[in-house]
Amino acid sequence: MALGKREAGNIKDCGKKKKIIDNKNDVLDNKIKREMANTEHLTGPHKFEMESWISCAPFERLLNMKIVEASAGRATLTMPFFVDFAQGGGLMHGGALVSLADTAVVMAIKSIIDPQTHFATVSLETKFLYPVKQGIVTARARVANKKERILQGQATVYNEEERPVLEFTSTFKMAKDKKIKNIAFQDALGSESIG
């Protein structure tokens, strides 16, 4: 099928537009690469200091989490609903709520294991029960099971009216004979409790 002059011109124009788009993408790629090179020192691994073994890490401080209590395998944490934690519908972002629940379980675990023990979340399950529209949310967590290097935890997050808004379960694994490196704990004296 033969193309008329008009159709042929459109094909050439598309080719020019594609070259312009490719050139813009190359410029963007180069800009991103330059910016990444300038921020490489910001992307880890990081060395920093924490107040104590049971205290908020940088990410947790970013979310304004507060540890109310952490002892004997239980923990209570709070977090305010700032506008920065809102999702597109104006509700508290689910990721912020999950972060609070996960951190509450972490503090419950820290209250029963040796300081500087390296451990991490390996699985989690979340059930969202009710939207958060305002106020301060509270997570109450406990260590549900500990067997060798595996720990399981549970948390419930409540709104200001004490209505459950999220149920959370998680599994953590402790590293074999490994202590946390590159993080200094000011209290380095041993385990403690808060609350």
Protein backbone atom coordinates (compact mmCIF):
# COMPACT_ATOMS: atom_id res chain seq x y z
CA MET A 1 0.00 0.00 0.00
CA ALA A 2 1.47 3.30 -1.10
CA LEU A 3 1.47 6.29 1.25
CA GLY A 4 0.52 9.75 0.11
CA LYS A 5 2.84 12.72 0.73
CA ARG A 6 0.93 13.69 3.86
CA GLU A 7 1.22 10.20 5.46
CA ALA A 8 4.90 9.95 4.52
CA GLY A 9 5.51 13.35 6.10
CA ASN A 10 3.87 12.20 9.31
CA ILE A 11 6.16 9.18 9.47
CA LYS A 12 9.24 11.42 9.07
CA ASP A 13 7.89 13.79 11.73
CA CYS A 14 7.37 10.83 14.09
CA GLY A 15 10.98 9.85 13.52
CA LYS A 16 12.12 13.38 14.41
CA LYS A 17 9.89 13.37 17.49
CA LYS A 18 11.30 10.00 18.54
CA LYS A 19 14.87 11.36 18.21
CA ILE A 20 13.92 14.40 20.29
CA ILE A 21 12.35 12.17 22.96
CA ASP A 22 15.40 9.86 22.92
CA ASN A 23 17.69 12.87 23.31
CA LYS A 24 15.58 14.17 26.23
CA ASN A 25 15.72 10.72 27.85
CA ASP A 26 19.52 10.66 27.42
CA VAL A 27 19.75 14.09 29.04
CA LEU A 28 17.53 12.91 31.92
CA ASP A 29 19.54 9.69 32.31
CA ASN A 30 22.79 11.67 32.45
CA LYS A 31 21.29 14.12 34.95
CA ILE A 32 20.12 11.25 37.17
CA LYS A 33 23.55 9.62 36.95
CA ARG A 34 25.26 12.91 37.95
CA GLU A 35 22.85 13.35 40.87
CA MET A 36 23.41 9.75 41.99
CA ALA A 37 27.18 10.26 41.85
CA ASN A 38 26.75 13.31 44.09
CA THR A 39 24.60 11.38 46.59
CA GLU A 40 26.54 8.11 46.68
CA HIS A 41 27.85 8.97 50.14
CA LEU A 42 24.23 9.36 51.28
CA THR A 43 23.07 5.89 50.24
CA GLY A 44 24.99 3.77 52.74
CA PRO A 45 26.32 1.79 54.36
CA HIS A 46 25.72 4.20 57.22
CA LYS A 47 27.40 4.67 60.56
CA PHE A 48 25.35 6.43 63.21
CA GLU A 49 24.71 6.57 66.93
CA MET A 50 21.56 5.63 68.79
CA GLU A 51 20.60 6.74 72.27
CA SER A 52 20.29 3.17 73.54
CA TRP A 53 19.51 -0.39 72.49
CA ILE A 54 15.81 0.29 73.02
CA SER A 55 15.43 3.62 71.23
CA CYS A 56 14.14 4.89 67.91
CA ALA A 57 16.35 4.52 64.84
CA PRO A 58 16.56 7.35 62.26
CA PHE A 59 13.56 6.13 60.21
CA GLU A 60 11.45 5.77 63.34
CA ARG A 61 12.42 9.28 64.46
CA LEU A 62 11.48 10.54 60.98
CA LEU A 63 7.97 9.18 61.62
CA ASN A 64 7.95 10.77 65.11
CA MET A 65 7.47 7.43 66.88
CA LYS A 66 7.70 7.47 70.66
CA ILE A 67 8.43 4.47 72.85
CA VAL A 68 6.06 4.53 75.82
CA GLU A 69 7.11 1.15 77.21
CA ALA A 70 9.31 -1.79 76.24
CA SER A 71 9.93 -4.58 78.73
CA ALA A 72 9.37 -8.29 79.31
CA GLY A 73 8.52 -9.01 75.68
CA ARG A 74 5.91 -6.26 75.37
CA ALA A 75 6.01 -2.74 73.94
CA THR A 76 3.77 0.27 73.44
CA LEU A 77 4.61 2.97 70.90
CA THR A 78 2.78 6.06 69.64
CA MET A 79 2.90 8.08 66.43
CA PRO A 80 1.06 11.28 65.47
CA PHE A 81 -0.84 11.58 62.18
CA PHE A 82 1.01 14.47 60.56
CA VAL A 83 -0.03 15.63 57.10
CA ASP A 84 3.23 14.14 55.75
CA PHE A 85 1.85 10.69 56.64
CA ALA A 86 -1.34 11.11 54.60
CA GLN A 87 -2.14 9.15 51.48
CA GLY A 88 -4.00 10.61 48.49
CA GLY A 89 -7.42 10.23 50.11
CA GLY A 90 -6.43 12.14 53.26
CA LEU A 91 -6.19 9.06 55.49
CA MET A 92 -3.09 7.92 57.35
CA HIS A 93 -0.90 5.95 54.95
CA GLY A 94 -0.97 2.20 55.51
CA GLY A 95 2.82 2.06 55.24
CA ALA A 96 3.16 4.43 58.20
CA LEU A 97 0.80 2.27 60.27
CA VAL A 98 2.66 -0.93 59.33
CA SER A 99 5.96 0.75 60.21
CA LEU A 100 4.62 1.59 63.66
CA ALA A 101 3.37 -1.97 64.24
CA ASP A 102 6.64 -3.49 63.00
CA THR A 103 8.69 -1.18 65.20
CA ALA A 104 6.54 -1.98 68.23
CA VAL A 105 7.23 -5.69 67.74
CA VAL A 106 10.95 -4.89 67.32
CA MET A 107 11.01 -3.07 70.67
CA ALA A 108 9.19 -5.97 72.35
CA ILE A 109 11.84 -8.32 70.96
CA LYS A 110 14.71 -6.04 71.97
CA SER A 111 13.41 -6.14 75.54
CA ILE A 112 14.11 -9.91 75.78
CA ILE A 113 17.26 -10.49 73.70
CA ASP A 114 20.89 -9.52 74.20
CA PRO A 115 21.77 -5.95 73.19
CA GLN A 116 23.26 -5.55 69.70
CA THR A 117 21.87 -8.89 68.52
CA HIS A 118 21.36 -8.62 64.77
CA PHE A 119 17.80 -9.60 63.73
CA ALA A 120 15.35 -8.63 61.00
CA THR A 121 11.77 -9.04 59.82
CA VAL A 122 11.49 -12.00 57.42
CA SER A 123 7.70 -11.99 56.96
CA LEU A 124 4.67 -10.02 58.02
CA GLU A 125 0.92 -10.01 57.63
CA THR A 126 -1.33 -7.01 58.08
CA LYS A 127 -5.08 -6.59 58.35
CA PHE A 128 -6.38 -3.05 58.00
CA LEU A 129 -9.54 -2.71 60.11
CA TYR A 130 -10.48 0.96 60.15
CA PRO A 131 -9.17 4.18 58.54
CA VAL A 132 -7.23 6.74 60.57
CA LYS A 133 -8.34 10.31 59.90
CA GLN A 134 -6.66 12.22 62.74
CA GLY A 135 -4.85 12.10 66.03
CA ILE A 136 -2.22 9.93 67.61
CA VAL A 137 -2.15 6.18 66.99
CA THR A 138 -0.87 3.66 69.53
CA ALA A 139 0.69 0.26 68.82
CA ARG A 140 0.71 -2.43 71.49
CA ALA A 141 2.94 -5.38 70.71
CA ARG A 142 4.14 -8.60 72.25
CA VAL A 143 6.50 -11.42 71.46
CA ALA A 144 4.18 -14.35 70.79
CA ASN A 145 6.77 -17.08 70.33
CA LYS A 146 10.54 -17.53 70.51
CA LYS A 147 12.20 -20.70 69.26
CA GLU A 148 15.96 -20.73 68.78
CA ARG A 149 16.68 -17.91 66.30
CA ILE A 150 13.06 -17.37 65.20
CA LEU A 151 10.79 -14.88 66.97
CA GLN A 152 7.16 -14.19 66.22
CA GLY A 153 5.35 -11.06 67.23
CA GLN A 154 1.89 -9.57 67.23
CA ALA A 155 0.74 -5.96 67.36
CA THR A 156 -2.51 -4.06 67.27
CA VAL A 157 -2.65 -0.38 66.37
CA TYR A 158 -5.40 1.74 67.93
CA ASN A 159 -6.77 5.19 67.11
CA GLU A 160 -7.38 7.85 69.78
CA GLU A 161 -10.76 6.32 70.61
CA GLU A 162 -9.00 2.98 71.34
CA ARG A 163 -10.62 1.42 68.28
CA PRO A 164 -8.35 -1.18 66.62
CA VAL A 165 -7.31 0.07 63.17
CA LEU A 166 -4.73 -2.57 62.25
CA GLU A 167 -3.75 -6.12 63.29
CA PHE A 168 -0.20 -7.21 62.56
CA THR A 169 1.79 -10.44 62.88
CA SER A 170 5.43 -10.90 61.95
CA THR A 171 8.33 -13.30 62.03
CA PHE A 172 11.90 -12.27 62.75
CA LYS A 173 15.15 -14.15 62.45
CA MET A 174 18.25 -13.54 64.53
CA ALA A 175 21.59 -13.76 62.76
CA LYS A 176 23.91 -16.55 63.83
CA ASP A 177 26.58 -15.23 66.20
CA LYS A 178 26.46 -11.73 64.67
CA LYS A 179 26.34 -8.43 66.44
CA ILE A 180 25.25 -5.14 64.87
CA LYS A 181 28.19 -3.23 63.39
CA ASN A 182 28.55 0.45 62.48
CA ILE A 183 25.89 1.52 64.99
CA ALA A 184 27.01 2.90 68.33
CA PHE A 185 24.67 2.65 71.31
CA GLN A 186 25.29 5.33 73.95
CA ASP A 187 24.16 3.06 76.76
CA ALA A 188 26.35 0.08 75.67
CA LEU A 189 26.06 -1.16 79.27
CA GLY A 190 23.54 -3.91 78.65
CA SER A 191 19.84 -4.49 78.39
CA GLU A 192 17.33 -2.09 79.77
CA SER A 193 13.63 -1.44 79.93
CA ILE A 194 11.67 1.69 79.19
CA GLY A 195 8.47 2.45 81.03
